[in-house]
PDB file of N, CA and C in Angstrom:
ATOM      1  N   MET A   1      14.607   5.394   4.628  1.00  0.00           N
ATOM      2  CA  MET A   1      13.980   4.175   3.898  1.00  0.00           C
ATOM      3  C   MET A   1      14.639   4.469   2.554  1.00  0.00           C
ATOM      4  N   ASP A   2      14.954   3.209   2.002  1.00  0.00           N
ATOM      5  CA  ASP A   2      15.613   3.256   0.684  1.00  0.00           C
ATOM      6  C   ASP A   2      14.352   3.224  -0.444  1.00  0.00           C
ATOM      7  N   GLU A   3      15.035   3.787  -1.751  1.00  0.00           N
ATOM      8  CA  GLU A   3      14.117   3.678  -2.722  1.00  0.00           C
ATOM      9  C   GLU A   3      13.193   2.653  -3.145  1.00  0.00           C
ATOM     10  N   LYS A   4      13.737   1.458  -3.118  1.00  0.00           N
ATOM     11  CA  LYS A   4      13.318   0.188  -3.291  1.00  0.00           C
ATOM     12  C   LYS A   4      11.747   0.108  -2.491  1.00  0.00           C
ATOM     13  N   THR A   5      12.026   0.211  -1.125  1.00  0.00           N
ATOM     14  CA  THR A   5      10.972   0.277  -0.159  1.00  0.00           C
ATOM     15  C   THR A   5       9.867   1.061  -0.451  1.00  0.00           C
ATOM     16  N   VAL A   6      10.407   2.584  -0.852  1.00  0.00           N
ATOM     17  CA  VAL A   6       9.495   3.365  -1.148  1.00  0.00           C
ATOM     18  C   VAL A   6       8.478   3.085  -2.142  1.00  0.00           C
ATOM     19  N   ALA A   7       9.237   2.418  -3.259  1.00  0.00           N
ATOM     20  CA  ALA A   7       8.377   2.141  -4.525  1.00  0.00           C
ATOM     21  C   ALA A   7       7.573   0.933  -4.318  1.00  0.00           C
ATOM     22  N   LEU A   8       8.110   0.093  -3.361  1.00  0.00           N
ATOM     23  CA  LEU A   8       7.270  -1.039  -3.194  1.00  0.00           C
ATOM     24  C   LEU A   8       5.856  -0.628  -2.340  1.00  0.00           C
ATOM     25  N   ILE A   9       6.093   0.297  -1.482  1.00  0.00           N
ATOM     26  CA  ILE A   9       4.967   1.004  -0.795  1.00  0.00           C
ATOM     27  C   ILE A   9       4.114   1.600  -1.657  1.00  0.00           C
ATOM     28  N   PHE A  10       4.440   2.350  -2.548  1.00  0.00           N
ATOM     29  CA  PHE A  10       3.587   3.283  -3.571  1.00  0.00           C
ATOM     30  C   PHE A  10       3.029   2.477  -4.594  1.00  0.00           C
ATOM     31  N   LYS A  11       3.750   1.368  -5.112  1.00  0.00           N
ATOM     32  CA  LYS A  11       3.221   0.279  -5.964  1.00  0.00           C
ATOM     33  C   LYS A  11       1.859  -0.106  -5.725  1.00  0.00           C
ATOM     34  N   ALA A  12       1.750  -0.144  -4.377  1.00  0.00           N
ATOM     35  CA  ALA A  12       0.114  -0.583  -3.867  1.00  0.00           C
ATOM     36  C   ALA A  12      -0.958   0.498  -4.230  1.00  0.00           C
ATOM     37  N   PHE A  13      -0.606   1.555  -4.411  1.00  0.00           N
ATOM     38  CA  PHE A  13      -1.323   2.505  -4.635  1.00  0.00           C
ATOM     39  C   PHE A  13      -1.669   2.926  -6.342  1.00  0.00           C
ATOM     40  N   CYS A  14      -1.031   1.982  -6.969  1.00  0.00           N
ATOM     41  CA  CYS A  14      -0.979   2.470  -8.462  1.00  0.00           C
ATOM     42  C   CYS A  14      -1.673   1.464  -9.194  1.00  0.00           C
ATOM     43  N   ASP A  15      -2.905   0.925  -8.692  1.00  0.00           N
ATOM     44  CA  ASP A  15      -3.820   0.074  -9.427  1.00  0.00           C
ATOM     45  C   ASP A  15      -5.169   0.598  -8.957  1.00  0.00           C
ATOM     46  N   GLU A  16      -6.082   0.603  -9.961  1.00  0.00           N
ATOM     47  CA  GLU A  16      -7.598   0.904  -9.628  1.00  0.00           C
ATOM     48  C   GLU A  16      -8.158  -0.348  -8.779  1.00  0.00           C
ATOM     49  N   ASN A  17      -7.970  -1.580  -8.987  1.00  0.00           N
ATOM     50  CA  ASN A  17      -8.389  -2.634  -8.012  1.00  0.00           C
ATOM     51  C   ASN A  17      -7.881  -2.475  -6.700  1.00  0.00           C
ATOM     52  N   ARG A  18      -6.770  -2.069  -6.606  1.00  0.00           N
ATOM     53  CA  ARG A  18      -5.932  -2.075  -5.255  1.00  0.00           C
ATOM     54  C   ARG A  18      -6.520  -0.900  -4.420  1.00  0.00           C
ATOM     55  N   ILE A  19      -6.864   0.235  -5.081  1.00  0.00           N
ATOM     56  CA  ILE A  19      -7.350   1.245  -4.377  1.00  0.00           C
ATOM     57  C   ILE A  19      -8.676   0.825  -4.112  1.00  0.00           C
ATOM     58  N   ARG A  20      -9.612   0.213  -4.789  1.00  0.00           N
ATOM     59  CA  ARG A  20     -11.050  -0.137  -4.588  1.00  0.00           C
ATOM     60  C   ARG A  20     -10.826  -1.161  -3.155  1.00  0.00           C
ATOM     61  N   ILE A  21      -9.813  -1.945  -3.180  1.00  0.00           N
ATOM     62  CA  ILE A  21      -9.533  -2.905  -2.052  1.00  0.00           C
ATOM     63  C   ILE A  21      -9.451  -2.029  -0.976  1.00  0.00           C
ATOM     64  N   ILE A  22      -8.408  -1.052  -0.728  1.00  0.00           N
ATOM     65  CA  ILE A  22      -8.106  -0.356   0.169  1.00  0.00           C
ATOM     66  C   ILE A  22      -9.364   0.439   0.642  1.00  0.00           C
ATOM     67  N   LYS A  23     -10.276   1.106  -0.311  1.00  0.00           N
ATOM     68  CA  LYS A  23     -11.523   1.616   0.110  1.00  0.00           C
ATOM     69  C   LYS A  23     -12.339   0.812   1.024  1.00  0.00           C
ATOM     70  N   MET A  24     -12.616  -0.391   0.372  1.00  0.00           N
ATOM     71  CA  MET A  24     -13.282  -1.405   1.083  1.00  0.00           C
ATOM     72  C   MET A  24     -13.025  -1.874   2.510  1.00  0.00           C
ATOM     73  N   LEU A  25     -11.654  -1.955   2.753  1.00  0.00           N
ATOM     74  CA  LEU A  25     -11.049  -2.206   3.966  1.00  0.00           C
ATOM     75  C   LEU A  25     -11.090  -1.049   4.807  1.00  0.00           C
ATOM     76  N   ARG A  26     -11.315   0.369   4.550  1.00  0.00           N
ATOM     77  CA  ARG A  26     -11.639   1.232   5.555  1.00  0.00           C
ATOM     78  C   ARG A  26     -12.625   0.909   6.398  1.00  0.00           C
ATOM     79  N   ASN A  27     -13.643   0.104   6.111  1.00  0.00           N
ATOM     80  CA  ASN A  27     -14.941  -0.157   7.013  1.00  0.00           C
ATOM     81  C   ASN A  27     -14.390  -1.460   7.832  1.00  0.00           C
ATOM     82  N   GLY A  28     -13.395  -1.748   7.798  1.00  0.00           N
ATOM     83  CA  GLY A  28     -13.004  -2.954   8.654  1.00  0.00           C
ATOM     84  C   GLY A  28     -12.394  -4.192   7.935  1.00  0.00           C
ATOM     85  N   GLU A  29     -12.067  -5.150   8.887  1.00  0.00           N
ATOM     86  CA  GLU A  29     -11.704  -6.415   8.100  1.00  0.00           C
ATOM     87  C   GLU A  29     -12.578  -7.132   7.205  1.00  0.00           C
ATOM     88  N   LYS A  30     -11.908  -7.635   6.123  1.00  0.00           N
ATOM     89  CA  LYS A  30     -13.027  -8.367   5.308  1.00  0.00           C
ATOM     90  C   LYS A  30     -12.107  -9.770   4.862  1.00  0.00           C
ATOM     91  N   CYS A  31     -13.081 -10.614   4.599  1.00  0.00           N
ATOM     92  CA  CYS A  31     -12.780 -11.902   4.163  1.00  0.00           C
ATOM     93  C   CYS A  31     -12.426 -11.729   2.554  1.00  0.00           C
ATOM     94  N   ALA A  32     -11.361 -12.689   2.095  1.00  0.00           N
ATOM     95  CA  ALA A  32     -10.941 -12.618   0.694  1.00  0.00           C
ATOM     96  C   ALA A  32     -12.348 -12.892   0.170  1.00  0.00           C
ATOM     97  N   CYS A  33     -13.241 -13.543   0.644  1.00  0.00           N
ATOM     98  CA  CYS A  33     -14.487 -14.251  -0.353  1.00  0.00           C
ATOM     99  C   CYS A  33     -15.342 -13.041  -0.532  1.00  0.00           C
ATOM    100  N   LYS A  34     -15.517 -12.096   0.386  1.00  0.00           N
ATOM    101  CA  LYS A  34     -16.169 -10.670   0.199  1.00  0.00           C
ATOM    102  C   LYS A  34     -15.528  -9.765  -0.685  1.00  0.00           C
ATOM    103  N   LEU A  35     -14.249  -9.799  -0.826  1.00  0.00           N
ATOM    104  CA  LEU A  35     -13.684  -9.024  -1.721  1.00  0.00           C
ATOM    105  C   LEU A  35     -13.719  -9.592  -3.013  1.00  0.00           C
ATOM    106  N   LEU A  36     -13.494 -10.618  -3.063  1.00  0.00           N
ATOM    107  CA  LEU A  36     -13.849 -11.455  -4.521  1.00  0.00           C
ATOM    108  C   LEU A  36     -15.257 -11.026  -5.052  1.00  0.00           C
ATOM    109  N   GLU A  37     -16.372 -11.141  -4.226  1.00  0.00           N
ATOM    110  CA  GLU A  37     -17.721 -10.692  -4.699  1.00  0.00           C
ATOM    111  C   GLU A  37     -17.906  -9.196  -5.047  1.00  0.00           C
ATOM    112  N   GLU A  38     -17.195  -8.424  -4.423  1.00  0.00           N
ATOM    113  CA  GLU A  38     -17.536  -7.055  -4.484  1.00  0.00           C
ATOM    114  C   GLU A  38     -16.653  -6.496  -5.636  1.00  0.00           C
ATOM    115  N   LEU A  39     -15.400  -7.093  -5.918  1.00  0.00           N
ATOM    116  CA  LEU A  39     -14.600  -6.610  -6.906  1.00  0.00           C
ATOM    117  C   LEU A  39     -14.922  -7.370  -8.230  1.00  0.00           C
ATOM    118  N   ASN A  40     -15.455  -8.394  -8.112  1.00  0.00           N
ATOM    119  CA  ASN A  40     -15.873  -9.304  -9.541  1.00  0.00           C
ATOM    120  C   ASN A  40     -14.430  -9.388 -10.418  1.00  0.00           C
ATOM    121  N   VAL A  41     -13.669  -9.965  -9.718  1.00  0.00           N
ATOM    122  CA  VAL A  41     -12.255 -10.484 -10.232  1.00  0.00           C
ATOM    123  C   VAL A  41     -12.118 -12.016  -9.794  1.00  0.00           C
ATOM    124  N   THR A  42     -10.960 -12.603 -10.562  1.00  0.00           N
ATOM    125  CA  THR A  42     -10.755 -14.212 -10.222  1.00  0.00           C
ATOM    126  C   THR A  42      -9.960 -14.173  -8.876  1.00  0.00           C
ATOM    127  N   GLN A  43      -9.977 -15.338  -8.546  1.00  0.00           N
ATOM    128  CA  GLN A  43      -9.261 -15.426  -7.269  1.00  0.00           C
ATOM    129  C   GLN A  43      -7.727 -15.397  -7.452  1.00  0.00           C
ATOM    130  N   PRO A  44      -7.164 -15.836  -8.590  1.00  0.00           N
ATOM    131  CA  PRO A  44      -5.620 -15.615  -8.791  1.00  0.00           C
ATOM    132  C   PRO A  44      -5.449 -14.218  -9.041  1.00  0.00           C
ATOM    133  N   THR A  45      -6.259 -13.156  -9.487  1.00  0.00           N
ATOM    134  CA  THR A  45      -6.239 -11.705  -9.663  1.00  0.00           C
ATOM    135  C   THR A  45      -6.177 -11.209  -8.294  1.00  0.00           C
ATOM    136  N   LEU A  46      -7.220 -11.370  -7.483  1.00  0.00           N
ATOM    137  CA  LEU A  46      -7.139 -11.045  -6.080  1.00  0.00           C
ATOM    138  C   LEU A  46      -6.076 -11.369  -5.402  1.00  0.00           C
ATOM    139  N   SER A  47      -5.533 -12.523  -5.458  1.00  0.00           N
ATOM    140  CA  SER A  47      -4.350 -12.926  -4.836  1.00  0.00           C
ATOM    141  C   SER A  47      -2.991 -12.046  -5.069  1.00  0.00           C
ATOM    142  N   HIS A  48      -3.090 -11.691  -6.362  1.00  0.00           N
ATOM    143  CA  HIS A  48      -1.960 -11.028  -6.995  1.00  0.00           C
ATOM    144  C   HIS A  48      -1.964  -9.270  -6.383  1.00  0.00           C
ATOM    145  N   HIS A  49      -3.148  -9.088  -6.164  1.00  0.00           N
ATOM    146  CA  HIS A  49      -3.322  -7.805  -5.896  1.00  0.00           C
ATOM    147  C   HIS A  49      -3.046  -7.703  -4.287  1.00  0.00           C
ATOM    148  N   MET A  50      -3.397  -8.633  -3.593  1.00  0.00           N
ATOM    149  CA  MET A  50      -3.433  -8.897  -1.973  1.00  0.00           C
ATOM    150  C   MET A  50      -2.068  -8.887  -1.806  1.00  0.00           C
ATOM    151  N   LYS A  51      -1.063  -9.853  -2.579  1.00  0.00           N
ATOM    152  CA  LYS A  51       0.161  -9.869  -2.256  1.00  0.00           C
ATOM    153  C   LYS A  51       0.963  -8.571  -2.449  1.00  0.00           C
ATOM    154  N   ILE A  52       0.647  -7.809  -3.317  1.00  0.00           N
ATOM    155  CA  ILE A  52       1.365  -6.548  -3.544  1.00  0.00           C
ATOM    156  C   ILE A  52       0.941  -5.465  -2.237  1.00  0.00           C
ATOM    157  N   LEU A  53      -0.255  -5.809  -1.829  1.00  0.00           N
ATOM    158  CA  LEU A  53      -0.710  -4.853  -0.643  1.00  0.00           C
ATOM    159  C   LEU A  53      -0.052  -5.261   0.449  1.00  0.00           C
ATOM    160  N   CYS A  54      -0.067  -6.596   0.810  1.00  0.00           N
ATOM    161  CA  CYS A  54       0.617  -6.976   2.014  1.00  0.00           C
ATOM    162  C   CYS A  54       2.228  -6.809   1.941  1.00  0.00           C
ATOM    163  N   ASP A  55       2.600  -6.842   0.745  1.00  0.00           N
ATOM    164  CA  ASP A  55       4.227  -6.948   0.814  1.00  0.00           C
ATOM    165  C   ASP A  55       4.508  -5.427   1.041  1.00  0.00           C
ATOM    166  N   SER A  56       3.485  -4.363   0.654  1.00  0.00           N
ATOM    167  CA  SER A  56       3.769  -2.835   0.951  1.00  0.00           C
ATOM    168  C   SER A  56       3.506  -2.588   2.604  1.00  0.00           C
ATOM    169  N   GLY A  57       3.016  -3.577   3.176  1.00  0.00           N
ATOM    170  CA  GLY A  57       2.716  -3.179   4.542  1.00  0.00           C
ATOM    171  C   GLY A  57       1.457  -2.377   4.955  1.00  0.00           C
ATOM    172  N   ILE A  58       0.925  -1.784   3.546  1.00  0.00           N
ATOM    173  CA  ILE A  58      -0.552  -1.112   3.784  1.00  0.00           C
ATOM    174  C   ILE A  58      -1.315  -2.033   4.449  1.00  0.00           C
ATOM    175  N   VAL A  59      -1.632  -3.239   3.910  1.00  0.00           N
ATOM    176  CA  VAL A  59      -2.906  -4.288   4.484  1.00  0.00           C
ATOM    177  C   VAL A  59      -2.022  -5.525   4.934  1.00  0.00           C
ATOM    178  N   ALA A  60      -2.751  -5.876   6.106  1.00  0.00           N
ATOM    179  CA  ALA A  60      -2.289  -7.061   6.966  1.00  0.00           C
ATOM    180  C   ALA A  60      -3.391  -8.130   6.660  1.00  0.00           C
ATOM    181  N   GLY A  61      -2.774  -9.452   6.690  1.00  0.00           N
ATOM    182  CA  GLY A  61      -3.728 -10.503   6.368  1.00  0.00           C
ATOM    183  C   GLY A  61      -3.727 -11.593   7.392  1.00  0.00           C
ATOM    184  N   ARG A  62      -4.616 -12.376   7.717  1.00  0.00           N
ATOM    185  CA  ARG A  62      -4.566 -13.332   8.422  1.00  0.00           C
ATOM    186  C   ARG A  62      -5.419 -14.558   8.145  1.00  0.00           C
ATOM    187  N   LYS A  63      -5.023 -15.874   8.492  1.00  0.00           N
ATOM    188  CA  LYS A  63      -5.723 -16.840   7.864  1.00  0.00           C
ATOM    189  C   LYS A  63      -6.506 -17.541   8.937  1.00  0.00           C
ATOM    190  N   GLU A  64      -7.820 -17.662   8.633  1.00  0.00           N
ATOM    191  CA  GLU A  64      -8.811 -18.227   9.390  1.00  0.00           C
ATOM    192  C   GLU A  64      -9.488 -19.335   8.494  1.00  0.00           C
ATOM    193  N   GLY A  65      -9.206 -20.787   8.844  1.00  0.00           N
ATOM    194  CA  GLY A  65      -9.712 -21.735   8.053  1.00  0.00           C
ATOM    195  C   GLY A  65      -9.103 -21.924   6.625  1.00  0.00           C
ATOM    196  N   LYS A  66      -9.883 -21.867   5.674  1.00  0.00           N
ATOM    197  CA  LYS A  66      -9.178 -21.666   4.299  1.00  0.00           C
ATOM    198  C   LYS A  66      -9.387 -20.362   3.756  1.00  0.00           C
ATOM    199  N   TRP A  67      -9.834 -19.548   4.537  1.00  0.00           N
ATOM    200  CA  TRP A  67      -9.971 -18.135   4.027  1.00  0.00           C
ATOM    201  C   TRP A  67      -8.945 -17.150   4.598  1.00  0.00           C
ATOM    202  N   MET A  68      -8.634 -16.260   3.836  1.00  0.00           N
ATOM    203  CA  MET A  68      -7.679 -15.126   4.497  1.00  0.00           C
ATOM    204  C   MET A  68      -8.640 -14.035   4.841  1.00  0.00           C
ATOM    205  N   HIS A  69      -8.244 -13.071   5.772  1.00  0.00           N
ATOM    206  CA  HIS A  69      -8.982 -11.994   6.270  1.00  0.00           C
ATOM    207  C   HIS A  69      -8.071 -10.821   6.002  1.00  0.00           C
ATOM    208  N   TYR A  70      -8.525  -9.737   5.636  1.00  0.00           N
ATOM    209  CA  TYR A  70      -7.569  -8.808   5.227  1.00  0.00           C
ATOM    210  C   TYR A  70      -7.985  -7.493   6.024  1.00  0.00           C
ATOM    211  N   SER A  71      -7.059  -6.468   6.676  1.00  0.00           N
ATOM    212  CA  SER A  71      -7.456  -5.314   7.004  1.00  0.00           C
ATOM    213  C   SER A  71      -6.213  -4.298   6.981  1.00  0.00           C
ATOM    214  N   ILE A  72      -6.607  -2.962   6.893  1.00  0.00           N
ATOM    215  CA  ILE A  72      -5.639  -1.939   6.824  1.00  0.00           C
ATOM    216  C   ILE A  72      -4.779  -2.033   7.829  1.00  0.00           C
ATOM    217  N   SER A  73      -3.425  -1.942   7.723  1.00  0.00           N
ATOM    218  CA  SER A  73      -2.414  -1.963   8.940  1.00  0.00           C
ATOM    219  C   SER A  73      -2.326  -0.326   9.186  1.00  0.00           C
ATOM    220  N   ALA A  74      -2.666  -0.224  10.613  1.00  0.00           N
ATOM    221  CA  ALA A  74      -2.397   1.474  10.657  1.00  0.00           C
ATOM    222  C   ALA A  74      -1.023   1.546  10.767  1.00  0.00           C
ATOM    223  N   GLN A  75       0.107   0.625  11.297  1.00  0.00           N
ATOM    224  CA  GLN A  75       1.278   0.963  11.054  1.00  0.00           C
ATOM    225  C   GLN A  75       1.801   1.178   9.696  1.00  0.00           C
ATOM    226  N   GLY A  76       1.277   0.391   8.583  1.00  0.00           N
ATOM    227  CA  GLY A  76       1.875   0.444   7.225  1.00  0.00           C
ATOM    228  C   GLY A  76       1.254   1.770   6.748  1.00  0.00           C
ATOM    229  N   ALA A  77       0.139   1.990   7.072  1.00  0.00           N
ATOM    230  CA  ALA A  77      -0.729   3.305   6.508  1.00  0.00           C
ATOM    231  C   ALA A  77       0.147   4.670   6.856  1.00  0.00           C
ATOM    232  N   LYS A  78       0.466   4.524   8.009  1.00  0.00           N
ATOM    233  CA  LYS A  78       1.279   5.810   8.881  1.00  0.00           C
ATOM    234  C   LYS A  78       2.577   5.906   8.072  1.00  0.00           C
ATOM    235  N   ALA A  79       3.172   4.773   7.949  1.00  0.00           N
ATOM    236  CA  ALA A  79       4.583   4.807   7.292  1.00  0.00           C
ATOM    237  C   ALA A  79       4.498   5.293   5.671  1.00  0.00           C
ATOM    238  N   ALA A  80       3.306   4.905   5.158  1.00  0.00           N
ATOM    239  CA  ALA A  80       3.109   5.505   3.636  1.00  0.00           C
ATOM    240  C   ALA A  80       3.121   6.896   3.667  1.00  0.00           C
ATOM    241  N   ALA A  81       1.881   7.506   4.740  1.00  0.00           N
ATOM    242  CA  ALA A  81       1.850   8.803   5.109  1.00  0.00           C
ATOM    243  C   ALA A  81       3.117   9.713   5.133  1.00  0.00           C
ATOM    244  N   ASP A  82       3.807   9.177   6.121  1.00  0.00           N
ATOM    245  CA  ASP A  82       5.017   9.889   6.463  1.00  0.00           C
ATOM    246  C   ASP A  82       6.091   9.621   5.566  1.00  0.00           C
ATOM    247  N   ILE A  83       6.274   8.833   4.807  1.00  0.00           N
ATOM    248  CA  ILE A  83       7.243   8.725   3.385  1.00  0.00           C
ATOM    249  C   ILE A  83       6.737   9.735   2.465  1.00  0.00           C
ATOM    250  N   LEU A  84       5.393   9.819   2.102  1.00  0.00           N
ATOM    251  CA  LEU A  84       4.844  11.012   1.253  1.00  0.00           C
ATOM    252  C   LEU A  84       5.115  12.184   1.782  1.00  0.00           C
ATOM    253  N   LYS A  85       4.812  12.440   3.097  1.00  0.00           N
ATOM    254  CA  LYS A  85       5.441  13.659   3.548  1.00  0.00           C
ATOM    255  C   LYS A  85       6.743  14.161   3.208  1.00  0.00           C
ATOM    256  N   GLU A  86       7.517  13.294   3.735  1.00  0.00           N
ATOM    257  CA  GLU A  86       8.860  13.678   3.708  1.00  0.00           C
ATOM    258  C   GLU A  86       9.642  13.539   2.163  1.00  0.00           C
ATOM    259  N   LEU A  87       8.741  12.852   1.221  1.00  0.00           N
ATOM    260  CA  LEU A  87       9.237  12.992  -0.213  1.00  0.00           C
ATOM    261  C   LEU A  87       8.914  14.282  -0.740  1.00  0.00           C
ATOM    262  N   THR A  88       7.589  14.833  -0.357  1.00  0.00           N
ATOM    263  CA  THR A  88       7.147  16.114  -1.022  1.00  0.00           C
ATOM    264  C   THR A  88       7.625  17.526  -0.217  1.00  0.00           C
ATOM    265  N   ALA A  89       8.360  17.288   0.884  1.00  0.00           N
ATOM    266  CA  ALA A  89       8.862  18.503   1.734  1.00  0.00           C
ATOM    267  C   ALA A  89       9.559  19.310   0.986  1.00  0.00           C
ATOM    268  N   VAL A  90       9.175  20.529   0.740  1.00  0.00           N
ATOM    269  CA  VAL A  90      10.229  21.362  -0.036  1.00  0.00           C
ATOM    270  C   VAL A  90      11.234  22.034   1.179  1.00  0.00           C
ATOM    271  N   ARG A  91      12.535  21.765   0.516  1.00  0.00           N
ATOM    272  CA  ARG A  91      13.567  22.078   1.480  1.00  0.00           C
ATOM    273  C   ARG A  91      14.125  23.519   0.818  1.00  0.00           C
ATOM    274  N   ASN A  92      14.631  24.571   1.474  1.00  0.00           N
ATOM    275  CA  ASN A  92      15.247  25.592   1.166  1.00  0.00           C
ATOM    276  C   ASN A  92      16.873  25.298   0.925  1.00  0.00           C
ATOM    277  N   GLY A  93      17.224  26.026  -0.032  1.00  0.00           N
ATOM    278  CA  GLY A  93      18.635  25.698  -0.541  1.00  0.00           C
ATOM    279  C   GLY A  93      18.836  24.330  -1.336  1.00  0.00           C
ATOM    280  N   CYS A  94      19.992  24.357  -1.667  1.00  0.00           N
ATOM    281  CA  CYS A  94      20.681  23.336  -2.386  1.00  0.00           C
ATOM    282  C   CYS A  94      21.565  22.278  -1.652  1.00  0.00           C
ATOM    283  N   GLU A  95      21.053  21.144  -1.710  1.00  0.00           N
ATOM    284  CA  GLU A  95      21.736  19.999  -0.987  1.00  0.00           C
ATOM    285  C   GLU A  95      23.132  19.796  -1.576  1.00  0.00           C
ATOM    286  N   ASN A  96      23.365  19.931  -2.969  1.00  0.00           N
ATOM    287  CA  ASN A  96      24.746  19.873  -3.464  1.00  0.00           C
ATOM    288  C   ASN A  96      25.273  21.085  -3.846  1.00  0.00           C
ATOM    289  N   LYS A  97      26.079  21.712  -3.049  1.00  0.00           N
ATOM    290  CA  LYS A  97      26.489  23.093  -3.288  1.00  0.00           C
ATOM    291  C   LYS A  97      27.467  23.275  -4.532  1.00  0.00           C
ATOM    292  N   SER A  98      27.968  22.028  -5.027  1.00  0.00           N
ATOM    293  CA  SER A  98      28.662  22.097  -6.245  1.00  0.00           C
ATOM    294  C   SER A  98      28.019  22.353  -7.460  1.00  0.00           C
ATOM    295  N   CYS A  99      26.734  21.952  -7.410  1.00  0.00           N
ATOM    296  CA  CYS A  99      25.829  22.132  -8.551  1.00  0.00           C
ATOM    297  C   CYS A  99      25.691  23.707  -8.831  1.00  0.00           C
ATOM    298  N   CYS A 100      25.615  24.395  -7.830  1.00  0.00           N
ATOM    299  CA  CYS A 100      25.250  25.747  -7.820  1.00  0.00           C
ATOM    300  C   CYS A 100      26.343  26.820  -8.101  1.00  0.00           C
ATOM    301  N   GLY A 101      27.525  26.083  -8.148  1.00  0.00           N
ATOM    302  CA  GLY A 101      28.699  26.911  -8.251  1.00  0.00           C
ATOM    303  C   GLY A 101      29.077  27.636  -6.884  1.00  0.00           C
ATOM    304  N   ASP A 102      28.642  27.273  -5.818  1.00  0.00           N
ATOM    305  CA  ASP A 102      28.951  27.917  -4.335  1.00  0.00           C
ATOM    306  C   ASP A 102      30.022  27.179  -3.712  1.00  0.00           C
TER     307      ASP A 102
END
């Protein structure tokens, strides 16, 4: 996965309101109207956060009537966990032998 995609995924976790949204969605799908009530933010602000979360793949949205319903994407959550694991894996040895004089 390229760095731009990785940054997009982890951008989703870099805001307190987005963390609150993810926590709320752990209990299952929620309508945007419920998220608005619980977060006490404006509709444009919620839309901004939901766009970032959906673009990252962490959250999936579906339209029902005039409202959007959001849930955590199992596939997106697994991808984020796998990327974090890969990024933080300690490897033995130097990948670029020329930097170490070998």
